Amino acid sequence: MQENNPYREDREQLRELIRQYEHLKNGRKHSFIDEDSFERIIAYYQEKEDLVRAMEAAEIASEQYPYSGQLLIKKADILLATRRYLEALEILEKAELFDSADINLYILKTDAYLALDQQEKAVMLLEEALSLFEGEEKIELLFELADVYDDYEDFEKVFDCLKMVLEDEPNNEEALYKICFWTDFTGRNEESIRLHLRIIDDFPYNELAWFNLAAAYQGLKLYEKAIDAYQYAIAIEEKFDYAWRNMGDAYIRLRRYREAIEALEKVNELAKPEDVIFEALGYCYDKLKNYAQARFHYRKASHLRTDDSRLFYKIAGTYYKEEQWEACLKQLDTALKIHPNQAEYNLMAGECKNHLGLFKDGVQYFLAVVGNRPRNTAGWEALIRCLYNGEYFEEALVQADAALIATQGKSLFLFYRSAILLAAGKTKEGILELENAMAVSPKQLKKFVELNPAILQHQQVVDVVARFRKRK
């Protein structure tokens, strides 16, 4: 006995309908097709994207059933697809006379108004239509209205529409997914919290509602509450990778790096590998001073995002903290090939050269920093330190003067001038400059001493410092 195959039966019925339609079209007698069958024929040609034949079928259908609202609506749909918007609106006005309760009438009119850049008319139409429909149809219109407001860039109203959907249908997945984005976009976190707490009261096992509640808490930087809500979402749906991901972020914000690592590792188990997750894991291990693991994860991120120089810079940073200057420079070299003028990369490369005693090389990197960021104190400071350490005192003095001009007289460079003059054996000038610097900003003395701690064995330096401390 042969099993019933509904799909095959349906296909056979459609084939027979098309045969009947061809007979009717060619003027053969005894060919009768009802309204619903005409709708199926038109839909068949639309699905095949044969809009010429679809329109031909719609024309014949309208001749056979001139008072059929549903067939006029199908005709308008084809006109919209062929960008004949004004004709479509005319047909829809006519259809409304026969069937004003068809939701497609309002949806197609909305599409026509939007295509004609008449958003206000689309909004008015849908707002009026909301009072005519209930249940699923009202929900459909609210989504349509939300899309119009989005197109119109009235984003607060998009949120309002989605809120109305959820007030009518709290478990509507599409609305729950969308409102999470719009809550973040509009910053209406408090409202979202109230809405989702009401949903959870009635539907405590709705993981999306818990997730949205958590995201709203996160938007208000209430990370502890966010984590609690994410944990409820995960308890209901353990494979909810976005909840694990956001929870990892919340733990990072609270500097609870070990727990963040656990959450982010779970994301890697549940979803395909992602550069941002590997980067976040690298960041956590970096903060925990586990530099080998930090490098491992930054590298994984860099394999997925090969053109991001910052990942190579972050790997370099782990080597820098371990004082592995050569390994650090190797990573910085890769980063600088991608972005040669990035100040931070040149700064770190210069510091590595400085630590390796390669002062001339270090100077080249620091010159690149001050060339790109002349007002940035850190670049000038590093450049002068490197020249000082390399005993290039004349050049150091020239650059200290340039730094004073570029940074509008930062007192640190008065101290550096003093240190350079003293190191160059110009004691009198050095002491006068130190007195000048102490008068302007004694707080910078610490950096003066850091440049050469042995300077505190210089009696005249000690006398100047003691004099100012006594005066204070």
Protein backbone atom coordinates (compact mmCIF):
# COMPACT_ATOMS: atom_id res chain seq x y z
CA MET A 1 0.00 0.00 0.00
CA GLN A 2 1.41 3.41 -1.04
CA GLU A 3 1.80 6.05 1.66
CA ASN A 4 0.09 9.42 1.28
CA ASN A 5 2.49 12.18 0.24
CA PRO A 6 0.80 15.55 0.92
CA TYR A 7 3.62 17.46 -0.77
CA ARG A 8 3.27 15.43 -3.98
CA GLU A 9 -0.52 15.82 -3.90
CA ASP A 10 -0.16 19.58 -3.46
CA ARG A 11 2.23 19.74 -6.38
CA GLU A 12 -0.14 17.75 -8.57
CA GLN A 13 -3.03 20.04 -7.63
CA LEU A 14 -0.95 23.10 -8.52
CA ARG A 15 0.07 21.57 -11.85
CA GLU A 16 -3.59 20.90 -12.63
CA LEU A 17 -4.49 24.49 -11.67
CA ILE A 18 -1.84 25.90 -14.01
CA ARG A 19 -3.23 23.63 -16.79
CA GLN A 20 -6.74 24.93 -16.17
CA TYR A 21 -5.44 28.51 -16.12
CA GLU A 22 -3.70 28.04 -19.48
CA HIS A 23 -6.97 26.69 -20.94
CA LEU A 24 -8.88 29.71 -19.60
CA LYS A 25 -6.25 32.08 -20.95
CA ASN A 26 -6.45 30.50 -24.38
CA GLY A 27 -10.26 30.84 -24.44
CA ARG A 28 -11.17 27.17 -24.06
CA LYS A 29 -14.64 26.45 -22.78
CA HIS A 30 -15.64 24.93 -19.44
CA SER A 31 -12.61 26.39 -17.63
CA PHE A 32 -13.58 27.71 -14.20
CA ILE A 33 -11.13 28.88 -11.54
CA ASP A 34 -12.23 30.15 -8.12
CA GLU A 35 -10.75 33.14 -6.24
CA ASP A 36 -8.48 31.12 -3.93
CA SER A 37 -7.10 29.15 -6.87
CA PHE A 38 -6.28 32.38 -8.69
CA GLU A 39 -4.37 33.51 -5.57
CA ARG A 40 -2.36 30.29 -5.67
CA ILE A 41 -1.57 30.75 -9.38
CA ILE A 42 -0.41 34.35 -8.85
CA ALA A 43 1.68 33.30 -5.81
CA TYR A 44 3.23 30.48 -7.89
CA TYR A 45 4.49 32.93 -10.54
CA GLN A 46 5.67 35.37 -7.82
CA GLU A 47 7.72 32.63 -6.15
CA LYS A 48 9.29 31.85 -9.54
CA GLU A 49 9.99 35.61 -9.85
CA ASP A 50 8.12 35.62 -13.14
CA LEU A 51 6.39 38.95 -12.47
CA VAL A 52 5.15 39.37 -16.06
CA ARG A 53 3.10 36.16 -15.83
CA ALA A 54 2.08 36.95 -12.26
CA MET A 55 0.67 40.31 -13.44
CA GLU A 56 -1.06 38.65 -16.40
CA ALA A 57 -2.74 36.17 -14.01
CA ALA A 58 -3.71 39.02 -11.67
CA GLU A 59 -5.30 40.94 -14.59
CA ILE A 60 -7.33 37.92 -15.71
CA ALA A 61 -8.33 37.21 -12.08
CA SER A 62 -9.54 40.81 -11.65
CA GLU A 63 -11.65 40.52 -14.80
CA GLN A 64 -13.22 37.32 -13.49
CA TYR A 65 -13.69 38.71 -9.94
CA PRO A 66 -13.86 42.52 -10.18
CA TYR A 67 -15.11 42.89 -6.58
CA SER A 68 -12.45 40.70 -4.95
CA GLY A 69 -10.35 42.70 -2.48
CA GLN A 70 -7.83 39.87 -2.01
CA LEU A 71 -7.09 39.61 -5.74
CA LEU A 72 -6.63 43.38 -6.01
CA ILE A 73 -4.21 43.20 -3.07
CA LYS A 74 -2.22 40.50 -4.93
CA LYS A 75 -2.13 42.77 -7.99
CA ALA A 76 -0.86 45.69 -5.87
CA ASP A 77 1.84 43.41 -4.43
CA ILE A 78 3.15 42.73 -7.95
CA LEU A 79 3.03 46.45 -8.81
CA LEU A 80 5.14 47.18 -5.72
CA ALA A 81 7.67 44.53 -6.77
CA THR A 82 7.97 46.28 -10.14
CA ARG A 83 8.30 49.70 -8.43
CA ARG A 84 4.98 51.06 -9.74
CA TYR A 85 4.15 52.56 -6.38
CA LEU A 86 1.46 55.09 -7.33
CA GLU A 87 -0.44 52.49 -9.38
CA ALA A 88 -0.18 50.10 -6.42
CA LEU A 89 -1.70 52.73 -4.11
CA GLU A 90 -4.59 53.29 -6.55
CA ILE A 91 -5.33 49.56 -6.62
CA LEU A 92 -5.13 49.36 -2.81
CA GLU A 93 -7.60 52.25 -2.44
CA LYS A 94 -10.00 50.26 -4.63
CA ALA A 95 -9.35 47.04 -2.67
CA GLU A 96 -10.17 48.87 0.58
CA LEU A 97 -13.72 49.47 -0.68
CA PHE A 98 -14.26 45.69 -0.92
CA ASP A 99 -12.20 44.42 2.02
CA SER A 100 -10.96 46.94 4.59
CA ALA A 101 -10.26 44.21 7.16
CA ASP A 102 -7.33 42.62 5.28
CA ILE A 103 -4.08 43.36 7.12
CA ASN A 104 -2.06 43.05 3.88
CA LEU A 105 -3.83 46.17 2.64
CA TYR A 106 -2.13 48.23 5.35
CA ILE A 107 1.24 46.51 5.08
CA LEU A 108 1.41 47.02 1.29
CA LYS A 109 0.24 50.64 1.58
CA THR A 110 2.98 51.19 4.16
CA ASP A 111 5.57 49.71 1.77
CA ALA A 112 4.35 52.04 -0.99
CA TYR A 113 4.49 55.14 1.22
CA LEU A 114 8.01 54.24 2.39
CA ALA A 115 9.15 53.67 -1.19
CA LEU A 116 7.78 57.12 -2.06
CA ASP A 117 9.62 58.58 0.96
CA GLN A 118 6.32 59.45 2.67
CA GLN A 119 7.12 58.12 6.15
CA GLU A 120 4.59 60.36 7.88
CA LYS A 121 1.73 58.87 5.86
CA ALA A 122 3.01 55.36 6.64
CA VAL A 123 3.07 56.17 10.38
CA MET A 124 -0.46 57.67 10.34
CA LEU A 125 -1.84 54.70 8.42
CA LEU A 126 -0.37 52.11 10.77
CA GLU A 127 -1.31 54.02 13.92
CA GLU A 128 -4.94 54.16 12.70
CA ALA A 129 -4.85 50.47 11.68
CA LEU A 130 -3.74 49.39 15.19
CA SER A 131 -7.24 50.08 16.52
CA LEU A 132 -8.79 47.81 13.84
CA PHE A 133 -6.88 44.63 14.68
CA GLU A 134 -6.30 42.35 17.62
CA GLY A 135 -4.02 39.43 18.47
CA GLU A 136 -1.47 38.24 15.91
CA GLU A 137 -2.48 40.85 13.35
CA LYS A 138 -2.00 43.70 15.82
CA ILE A 139 1.43 42.28 16.70
CA GLU A 140 2.32 42.15 12.99
CA LEU A 141 1.29 45.80 12.57
CA LEU A 142 3.35 46.84 15.61
CA PHE A 143 6.45 45.22 14.08
CA GLU A 144 5.67 46.97 10.80
CA LEU A 145 5.30 50.29 12.63
CA ALA A 146 8.59 49.68 14.48
CA ASP A 147 10.33 49.23 11.09
CA VAL A 148 8.79 52.48 9.80
CA TYR A 149 9.99 54.37 12.89
CA ASP A 150 13.44 52.84 12.39
CA ASP A 151 13.43 54.04 8.77
CA TYR A 152 12.17 57.42 10.00
CA GLU A 153 14.98 57.47 12.64
CA ASP A 154 12.50 57.93 15.47
CA PHE A 155 14.27 55.34 17.60
CA GLU A 156 12.40 56.03 20.85
CA LYS A 157 9.18 55.03 19.09
CA VAL A 158 10.80 51.78 17.88
CA PHE A 159 11.35 50.92 21.54
CA ASP A 160 7.73 51.89 22.34
CA CYS A 161 6.37 49.56 19.63
CA LEU A 162 8.42 46.61 20.86
CA LYS A 163 7.34 47.34 24.43
CA MET A 164 3.69 47.27 23.28
CA VAL A 165 4.28 43.90 21.58
CA LEU A 166 5.69 42.47 24.81
CA GLU A 167 2.87 43.90 26.90
CA ASP A 168 0.43 42.01 24.65
CA GLU A 169 2.61 38.94 24.09
CA PRO A 170 5.37 38.66 26.75
CA ASN A 171 6.97 35.57 25.19
CA ASN A 172 7.31 36.99 21.68
CA GLU A 173 10.86 35.96 20.76
CA GLU A 174 11.33 38.46 17.93
CA ALA A 175 10.37 41.37 20.21
CA LEU A 176 12.58 40.07 23.04
CA TYR A 177 15.57 39.83 20.71
CA LYS A 178 14.98 43.26 19.18
CA ILE A 179 14.21 45.20 22.38
CA CYS A 180 17.57 44.21 23.84
CA PHE A 181 19.35 46.11 21.04
CA TRP A 182 17.01 49.11 21.21
CA THR A 183 17.32 49.33 25.01
CA ASP A 184 21.06 49.69 24.63
CA PHE A 185 20.67 52.09 21.68
CA THR A 186 18.16 54.41 23.39
CA GLY A 187 19.58 54.00 26.91
CA ARG A 188 16.13 53.19 28.32
CA ASN A 189 17.57 50.66 30.76
CA GLU A 190 15.35 51.47 33.77
CA GLU A 191 12.22 51.01 31.65
CA SER A 192 13.56 47.75 30.26
CA ILE A 193 14.27 46.50 33.78
CA ARG A 194 10.67 47.21 34.88
CA LEU A 195 9.24 45.58 31.73
CA HIS A 196 11.34 42.42 32.03
CA LEU A 197 10.77 42.04 35.78
CA ARG A 198 7.01 41.99 35.00
CA ILE A 199 7.56 39.35 32.30
CA ILE A 200 9.69 37.23 34.64
CA ASP A 201 7.02 37.44 37.36
CA ASP A 202 4.58 35.75 34.98
CA PHE A 203 7.06 33.62 33.03
CA PRO A 204 10.02 32.83 35.32
CA TYR A 205 11.54 30.35 32.83
CA ASN A 206 11.88 32.81 29.95
CA GLU A 207 15.65 32.90 29.43
CA LEU A 208 15.48 35.80 26.94
CA ALA A 209 13.67 37.96 29.51
CA TRP A 210 16.40 37.16 32.08
CA PHE A 211 19.06 37.97 29.47
CA ASN A 212 17.44 41.33 28.62
CA LEU A 213 17.10 42.15 32.31
CA ALA A 214 20.80 41.38 32.78
CA ALA A 215 21.77 43.48 29.74
CA ALA A 216 19.77 46.43 31.09
CA TYR A 217 21.52 46.14 34.48
CA GLN A 218 24.81 46.00 32.59
CA GLY A 219 23.82 49.15 30.71
CA LEU A 220 23.49 50.89 34.09
CA LYS A 221 26.88 49.45 35.20
CA LEU A 222 25.13 47.34 37.88
CA TYR A 223 27.43 44.44 37.11
CA GLU A 224 26.68 42.29 40.17
CA LYS A 225 22.93 42.36 39.39
CA ALA A 226 23.67 41.70 35.72
CA ILE A 227 25.71 38.59 36.61
CA ASP A 228 22.91 37.25 38.83
CA ALA A 229 20.39 37.66 35.99
CA TYR A 230 22.73 36.06 33.43
CA GLN A 231 23.14 33.10 35.77
CA TYR A 232 19.36 32.61 35.80
CA ALA A 233 19.33 32.73 31.96
CA ILE A 234 22.11 30.10 31.88
CA ALA A 235 20.37 27.93 34.48
CA ILE A 236 17.35 27.78 32.13
CA GLU A 237 19.40 27.41 28.92
CA GLU A 238 22.95 26.28 29.60
CA LYS A 239 24.01 26.71 25.96
CA PHE A 240 23.06 30.40 25.88
CA ASP A 241 26.44 31.60 24.55
CA TYR A 242 25.54 35.32 24.51
CA ALA A 243 24.71 35.16 28.22
CA TRP A 244 28.11 33.59 28.94
CA ARG A 245 29.79 36.21 26.76
CA ASN A 246 28.12 39.20 28.46
CA MET A 247 28.70 37.67 31.87
CA GLY A 248 32.40 37.43 31.01
CA ASP A 249 32.37 41.14 30.17
CA ALA A 250 30.63 41.96 33.48
CA TYR A 251 33.27 39.99 35.43
CA ILE A 252 36.03 41.89 33.58
CA ARG A 253 34.41 45.20 34.57
CA LEU A 254 34.48 44.01 38.20
CA ARG A 255 38.13 42.90 37.73
CA ARG A 256 37.15 39.33 38.61
CA TYR A 257 39.39 37.91 35.91
CA ARG A 258 39.36 34.23 36.91
CA GLU A 259 35.56 34.10 36.76
CA ALA A 260 35.65 36.03 33.48
CA ILE A 261 38.00 33.39 32.04
CA GLU A 262 35.58 30.59 33.03
CA ALA A 263 32.65 32.37 31.33
CA LEU A 264 34.64 33.18 28.17
CA GLU A 265 35.99 29.63 27.89
CA LYS A 266 32.37 28.47 27.94
CA VAL A 267 31.65 30.79 24.98
CA ASN A 268 34.47 29.07 23.06
CA GLU A 269 32.89 25.68 23.82
CA LEU A 270 29.46 26.74 22.60
CA ALA A 271 30.18 29.00 19.61
CA LYS A 272 32.65 29.11 16.75
CA PRO A 273 36.05 30.68 17.61
CA GLU A 274 35.95 34.47 17.71
CA ASP A 275 38.81 36.97 17.79
CA VAL A 276 37.12 39.21 20.41
CA ILE A 277 36.72 36.28 22.83
CA PHE A 278 40.36 35.22 22.46
CA GLU A 279 41.42 38.85 22.90
CA ALA A 280 39.31 39.19 26.07
CA LEU A 281 40.85 35.98 27.44
CA GLY A 282 44.31 37.35 26.65
CA TYR A 283 43.41 40.54 28.52
CA CYS A 284 42.28 38.55 31.60
CA TYR A 285 45.47 36.46 31.70
CA ASP A 286 47.49 39.66 31.16
CA LYS A 287 45.84 41.21 34.23
CA LEU A 288 46.55 38.02 36.22
CA LYS A 289 50.24 38.35 35.17
CA ASN A 290 50.06 34.97 33.42
CA TYR A 291 51.87 36.34 30.39
CA ALA A 292 52.40 33.03 28.57
CA GLN A 293 48.64 32.35 28.54
CA ALA A 294 47.94 35.98 27.61
CA ARG A 295 50.25 35.62 24.58
CA PHE A 296 48.65 32.31 23.61
CA HIS A 297 45.19 33.89 23.44
CA TYR A 298 46.31 37.15 21.81
CA ARG A 299 47.99 35.02 19.12
CA LYS A 300 44.79 33.05 18.56
CA ALA A 301 42.96 36.35 18.12
CA SER A 302 45.64 37.58 15.69
CA HIS A 303 45.23 34.44 13.53
CA LEU A 304 41.57 35.39 13.07
CA ARG A 305 42.25 39.13 12.70
CA THR A 306 45.57 39.26 10.87
CA ASP A 307 45.51 42.97 10.00
CA ASP A 308 45.05 44.25 13.57
CA SER A 309 48.37 45.71 14.69
CA ARG A 310 47.08 46.23 18.26
CA LEU A 311 47.10 42.47 18.91
CA PHE A 312 50.82 42.29 18.08
CA TYR A 313 51.32 45.33 20.33
CA LYS A 314 49.51 43.51 23.15
CA ILE A 315 51.72 40.42 22.66
CA ALA A 316 54.74 42.75 22.73
CA GLY A 317 53.42 44.22 26.00
CA THR A 318 53.52 40.81 27.69
CA TYR A 319 57.18 40.38 26.70
CA TYR A 320 57.93 43.94 27.87
CA LYS A 321 56.51 43.18 31.34
CA GLU A 322 58.79 40.11 31.46
CA GLU A 323 61.76 42.27 30.32
CA GLN A 324 62.21 40.12 27.22
CA TRP A 325 63.30 43.07 25.08
CA GLU A 326 64.30 41.18 21.91
CA ALA A 327 61.05 39.16 21.79
CA CYS A 328 59.10 42.36 22.44
CA LEU A 329 60.84 44.13 19.53
CA LYS A 330 60.03 41.25 17.18
CA GLN A 331 56.28 41.68 17.83
CA LEU A 332 56.53 45.47 17.61
CA ASP A 333 58.25 45.12 14.25
CA THR A 334 55.16 43.27 12.95
CA ALA A 335 52.83 45.90 14.44
CA LEU A 336 54.87 48.75 12.95
CA LYS A 337 54.77 47.17 9.48
CA ILE A 338 50.98 47.52 9.63
CA HIS A 339 50.89 50.97 11.32
CA PRO A 340 54.35 52.59 11.18
CA ASN A 341 53.31 55.92 12.72
CA GLN A 342 51.52 54.57 15.80
CA ALA A 343 53.04 56.47 18.73
CA GLU A 344 52.58 53.72 21.37
CA TYR A 345 54.38 51.14 19.21
CA ASN A 346 57.34 53.43 18.54
CA LEU A 347 57.46 54.40 22.22
CA MET A 348 57.65 50.79 23.40
CA ALA A 349 60.21 49.89 20.70
CA GLY A 350 62.36 52.85 21.76
CA GLU A 351 62.18 51.74 25.42
CA CYS A 352 63.31 48.23 24.42
CA LYS A 353 66.31 49.68 22.56
CA ASN A 354 67.04 51.88 25.57
CA HIS A 355 67.02 48.83 27.89
CA LEU A 356 69.32 46.99 25.47
CA GLY A 357 71.75 49.94 25.50
CA LEU A 358 71.10 50.63 21.80
CA PHE A 359 70.55 54.32 22.40
CA LYS A 360 70.93 55.55 18.80
CA ASP A 361 68.24 53.10 17.63
CA GLY A 362 66.04 54.11 20.55
CA VAL A 363 66.36 57.80 19.61
CA GLN A 364 65.05 57.05 16.09
CA TYR A 365 61.87 55.50 17.50
CA PHE A 366 61.35 58.36 19.97
CA LEU A 367 61.86 60.96 17.22
CA ALA A 368 59.03 59.25 15.32
CA VAL A 369 56.81 59.62 18.43
CA VAL A 370 57.46 63.35 18.93
CA GLY A 371 57.15 63.91 15.18
CA ASN A 372 53.63 62.47 15.20
CA ARG A 373 52.56 63.75 18.62
CA PRO A 374 54.51 66.91 19.38
CA ARG A 375 52.34 67.93 22.35
CA ASN A 376 52.60 64.55 24.04
CA THR A 377 54.89 64.73 27.08
CA ALA A 378 55.67 60.98 27.19
CA GLY A 379 57.46 60.99 23.81
CA TRP A 380 59.72 63.94 24.69
CA GLU A 381 60.44 62.47 28.12
CA ALA A 382 61.50 59.13 26.59
CA LEU A 383 63.59 60.81 23.87
CA ILE A 384 65.53 62.95 26.36
CA ARG A 385 66.03 60.01 28.76
CA CYS A 386 67.44 57.92 25.91
CA LEU A 387 69.83 60.70 24.80
CA TYR A 388 70.87 61.20 28.44
CA ASN A 389 71.53 57.47 28.95
CA GLY A 390 73.57 57.40 25.73
CA GLU A 391 75.54 60.46 26.98
CA TYR A 392 74.50 62.55 23.94
CA PHE A 393 74.26 65.61 26.18
CA GLU A 394 74.36 68.33 23.51
CA GLU A 395 71.52 66.74 21.54
CA ALA A 396 69.64 66.07 24.80
CA LEU A 397 69.79 69.79 25.63
CA VAL A 398 68.53 70.72 22.14
CA GLN A 399 65.60 68.30 22.51
CA ALA A 400 64.81 69.53 26.04
CA ASP A 401 64.48 73.06 24.65
CA ALA A 402 62.27 71.76 21.82
CA ALA A 403 60.14 69.89 24.38
CA LEU A 404 59.63 73.06 26.43
CA ILE A 405 58.34 74.87 23.34
CA ALA A 406 56.16 71.96 22.13
CA THR A 407 54.57 71.30 25.55
CA GLN A 408 54.17 75.01 26.42
CA GLY A 409 56.77 75.02 29.17
CA LYS A 410 56.17 71.71 31.03
CA SER A 411 58.30 72.01 34.18
CA LEU A 412 59.58 68.42 33.86
CA PHE A 413 61.87 69.57 31.02
CA LEU A 414 63.42 72.26 33.25
CA PHE A 415 64.48 69.45 35.58
CA TYR A 416 65.78 67.47 32.60
CA ARG A 417 67.77 70.52 31.41
CA SER A 418 69.31 70.72 34.88
CA ALA A 419 70.23 67.00 34.90
CA ILE A 420 71.80 67.24 31.40
CA LEU A 421 73.85 70.33 32.28
CA LEU A 422 75.10 68.67 35.50
CA ALA A 423 75.98 65.45 33.61
CA ALA A 424 77.83 67.52 30.97
CA GLY A 425 79.93 69.10 33.74
CA LYS A 426 78.20 72.52 33.57
CA THR A 427 77.55 72.55 37.30
CA LYS A 428 76.80 76.28 37.80
CA GLU A 429 74.23 76.35 34.95
CA GLY A 430 72.77 73.04 36.10
CA ILE A 431 72.22 74.24 39.68
CA LEU A 432 70.65 77.53 38.50
CA GLU A 433 68.28 75.51 36.27
CA LEU A 434 67.44 73.22 39.21
CA GLU A 435 66.56 76.23 41.37
CA ASN A 436 64.40 77.56 38.57
CA ALA A 437 62.64 74.16 38.18
CA MET A 438 62.08 73.80 41.96
CA ALA A 439 60.52 77.25 42.06
CA VAL A 440 58.06 76.27 39.29
CA SER A 441 57.09 72.70 40.30
CA PRO A 442 58.90 70.86 43.12
CA LYS A 443 56.65 67.81 42.58
CA GLN A 444 58.63 66.90 39.46
CA LEU A 445 61.82 66.36 41.52
CA LYS A 446 61.06 62.63 41.65
CA LYS A 447 61.51 62.27 37.85
CA PHE A 448 64.73 64.30 38.03
CA VAL A 449 66.11 61.78 40.56
CA GLU A 450 64.81 58.78 38.54
CA LEU A 451 66.89 59.96 35.56
CA ASN A 452 70.06 59.49 37.64
CA PRO A 453 69.59 58.39 41.31
CA ALA A 454 73.32 59.07 41.99
CA ILE A 455 72.59 62.78 41.54
CA LEU A 456 71.57 62.94 45.21
CA GLN A 457 75.27 62.44 46.08
CA HIS A 458 75.92 65.85 44.50
CA GLN A 459 76.22 68.21 47.48
CA GLN A 460 74.98 71.32 45.66
CA VAL A 461 71.89 69.44 44.44
CA VAL A 462 71.17 68.28 48.00
CA ASP A 463 71.56 71.87 49.26
CA VAL A 464 69.06 73.23 46.70
CA VAL A 465 66.51 70.53 47.55
CA ALA A 466 66.97 71.05 51.30
CA ARG A 467 66.60 74.82 50.91
CA PHE A 468 63.28 74.49 49.08
CA ARG A 469 61.97 71.90 51.56
CA LYS A 470 62.85 74.19 54.46
CA ARG A 471 61.13 77.10 52.74
CA LYS A 472 58.04 74.94 52.21
